[in-house]
Amino acid sequence: AVAEDEVQQCWRVSPGPDFVLIVHTRDMPGYLALSQRLFTQDANVRNVKSFFSVHRAKFETKVPLALI
């Protein structure tokens, strides 16, 4: 998954061997092609859930640092 250009972020989350992928594709056919490449060819993948953003509520990349 990390080798795919469409995958912007990959997080391992607990509990269990679960991952969250943040992906960016041009359209739904592009997402379908990506998901088939990533998930249908790997025997270790048993379950996939997809969630789609419909509205960005907030996006920040800065990290607040305490002033000394």
C-alpha atoms as a PDB file:
ATOM      1  CA  ALA A   1       0.000   0.000   0.000  1.00  0.00           C
ATOM      2  CA  VAL A   2       2.762   2.445   0.837  1.00  0.00           C
ATOM      3  CA  ALA A   3       4.242   2.095  -2.655  1.00  0.00           C
ATOM      4  CA  GLU A   4       1.037   3.364  -4.322  1.00  0.00           C
ATOM      5  CA  ASP A   5       1.082   7.051  -5.289  1.00  0.00           C
ATOM      6  CA  GLU A   6      -2.607   7.417  -4.374  1.00  0.00           C
ATOM      7  CA  VAL A   7      -1.933   6.414  -0.749  1.00  0.00           C
ATOM      8  CA  GLN A   8      -1.124   9.633   1.099  1.00  0.00           C
ATOM      9  CA  GLN A   9      -1.074   8.211   4.622  1.00  0.00           C
ATOM     10  CA  CYS A  10      -1.017   4.744   6.166  1.00  0.00           C
ATOM     11  CA  TRP A  11      -1.653   4.301   9.889  1.00  0.00           C
ATOM     12  CA  ARG A  12      -1.557   1.084  11.893  1.00  0.00           C
ATOM     13  CA  VAL A  13      -4.257   1.281  14.538  1.00  0.00           C
ATOM     14  CA  SER A  14      -5.177  -0.825  17.535  1.00  0.00           C
ATOM     15  CA  PRO A  15      -6.627  -3.186  18.462  1.00  0.00           C
ATOM     16  CA  GLY A  16      -5.458  -5.830  16.085  1.00  0.00           C
ATOM     17  CA  PRO A  17      -3.748  -5.777  12.715  1.00  0.00           C
ATOM     18  CA  ASP A  18      -5.848  -2.923  11.366  1.00  0.00           C
ATOM     19  CA  PHE A  19      -4.757  -0.103   9.104  1.00  0.00           C
ATOM     20  CA  VAL A  20      -6.263   3.202   8.076  1.00  0.00           C
ATOM     21  CA  LEU A  21      -5.301   4.445   4.636  1.00  0.00           C
ATOM     22  CA  ILE A  22      -5.820   8.032   3.524  1.00  0.00           C
ATOM     23  CA  VAL A  23      -6.013   7.955  -0.263  1.00  0.00           C
ATOM     24  CA  HIS A  24      -6.648  10.465  -3.011  1.00  0.00           C
ATOM     25  CA  THR A  25      -8.044   9.312  -6.326  1.00  0.00           C
ATOM     26  CA  ARG A  26      -9.423  11.234  -9.290  1.00  0.00           C
ATOM     27  CA  ASP A  27     -12.836   9.551  -9.173  1.00  0.00           C
ATOM     28  CA  MET A  28     -14.699   6.444  -8.043  1.00  0.00           C
ATOM     29  CA  PRO A  29     -13.429   4.262 -10.936  1.00  0.00           C
ATOM     30  CA  GLY A  30      -9.914   5.240  -9.812  1.00  0.00           C
ATOM     31  CA  TYR A  31     -10.760   4.264  -6.230  1.00  0.00           C
ATOM     32  CA  LEU A  32     -12.199   0.949  -7.404  1.00  0.00           C
ATOM     33  CA  ALA A  33      -9.020   0.176  -9.367  1.00  0.00           C
ATOM     34  CA  LEU A  34      -6.844   1.087  -6.367  1.00  0.00           C
ATOM     35  CA  SER A  35      -8.897  -0.968  -3.930  1.00  0.00           C
ATOM     36  CA  GLN A  36      -8.808  -3.982  -6.232  1.00  0.00           C
ATOM     37  CA  ARG A  37      -5.018  -3.712  -6.533  1.00  0.00           C
ATOM     38  CA  LEU A  38      -4.552  -3.342  -2.793  1.00  0.00           C
ATOM     39  CA  PHE A  39      -7.135  -5.666  -1.309  1.00  0.00           C
ATOM     40  CA  THR A  40      -8.327  -8.394  -3.662  1.00  0.00           C
ATOM     41  CA  GLN A  41      -4.889  -9.817  -4.430  1.00  0.00           C
ATOM     42  CA  ASP A  42      -3.794 -10.269  -0.788  1.00  0.00           C
ATOM     43  CA  ALA A  43      -4.978 -13.440   0.967  1.00  0.00           C
ATOM     44  CA  ASN A  44      -4.327 -11.796   4.360  1.00  0.00           C
ATOM     45  CA  VAL A  45      -7.051  -9.192   3.796  1.00  0.00           C
ATOM     46  CA  ARG A  46     -10.336 -10.504   5.144  1.00  0.00           C
ATOM     47  CA  ASN A  47     -12.425  -7.384   5.565  1.00  0.00           C
ATOM     48  CA  VAL A  48     -12.420  -3.896   4.055  1.00  0.00           C
ATOM     49  CA  LYS A  49     -14.522  -0.891   5.064  1.00  0.00           C
ATOM     50  CA  SER A  50     -14.520   2.314   3.048  1.00  0.00           C
ATOM     51  CA  PHE A  51     -15.473   5.758   4.282  1.00  0.00           C
ATOM     52  CA  PHE A  52     -15.610   8.836   2.078  1.00  0.00           C
ATOM     53  CA  SER A  53     -15.226  12.464   3.030  1.00  0.00           C
ATOM     54  CA  VAL A  54     -18.133  14.663   2.029  1.00  0.00           C
ATOM     55  CA  HIS A  55     -17.050  17.839   3.828  1.00  0.00           C
ATOM     56  CA  ARG A  56     -13.798  18.993   5.421  1.00  0.00           C
ATOM     57  CA  ALA A  57     -14.499  20.433   8.861  1.00  0.00           C
ATOM     58  CA  LYS A  58     -10.881  21.345   9.653  1.00  0.00           C
ATOM     59  CA  PHE A  59      -7.417  20.679   8.278  1.00  0.00           C
ATOM     60  CA  GLU A  60      -4.251  21.766  10.077  1.00  0.00           C
ATOM     61  CA  THR A  61      -0.663  20.682   9.651  1.00  0.00           C
ATOM     62  CA  LYS A  62       0.973  22.935  12.220  1.00  0.00           C
ATOM     63  CA  VAL A  63       1.953  21.607  15.617  1.00  0.00           C
ATOM     64  CA  PRO A  64       1.430  24.024  18.524  1.00  0.00           C
ATOM     65  CA  LEU A  65       4.664  24.425  20.479  1.00  0.00           C
ATOM     66  CA  ALA A  66       4.763  25.736  24.014  1.00  0.00           C
ATOM     67  CA  LEU A  67       6.758  28.948  24.373  1.00  0.00           C
ATOM     68  CA  ILE A  68       9.554  28.761  26.929  1.00  0.00           C
END
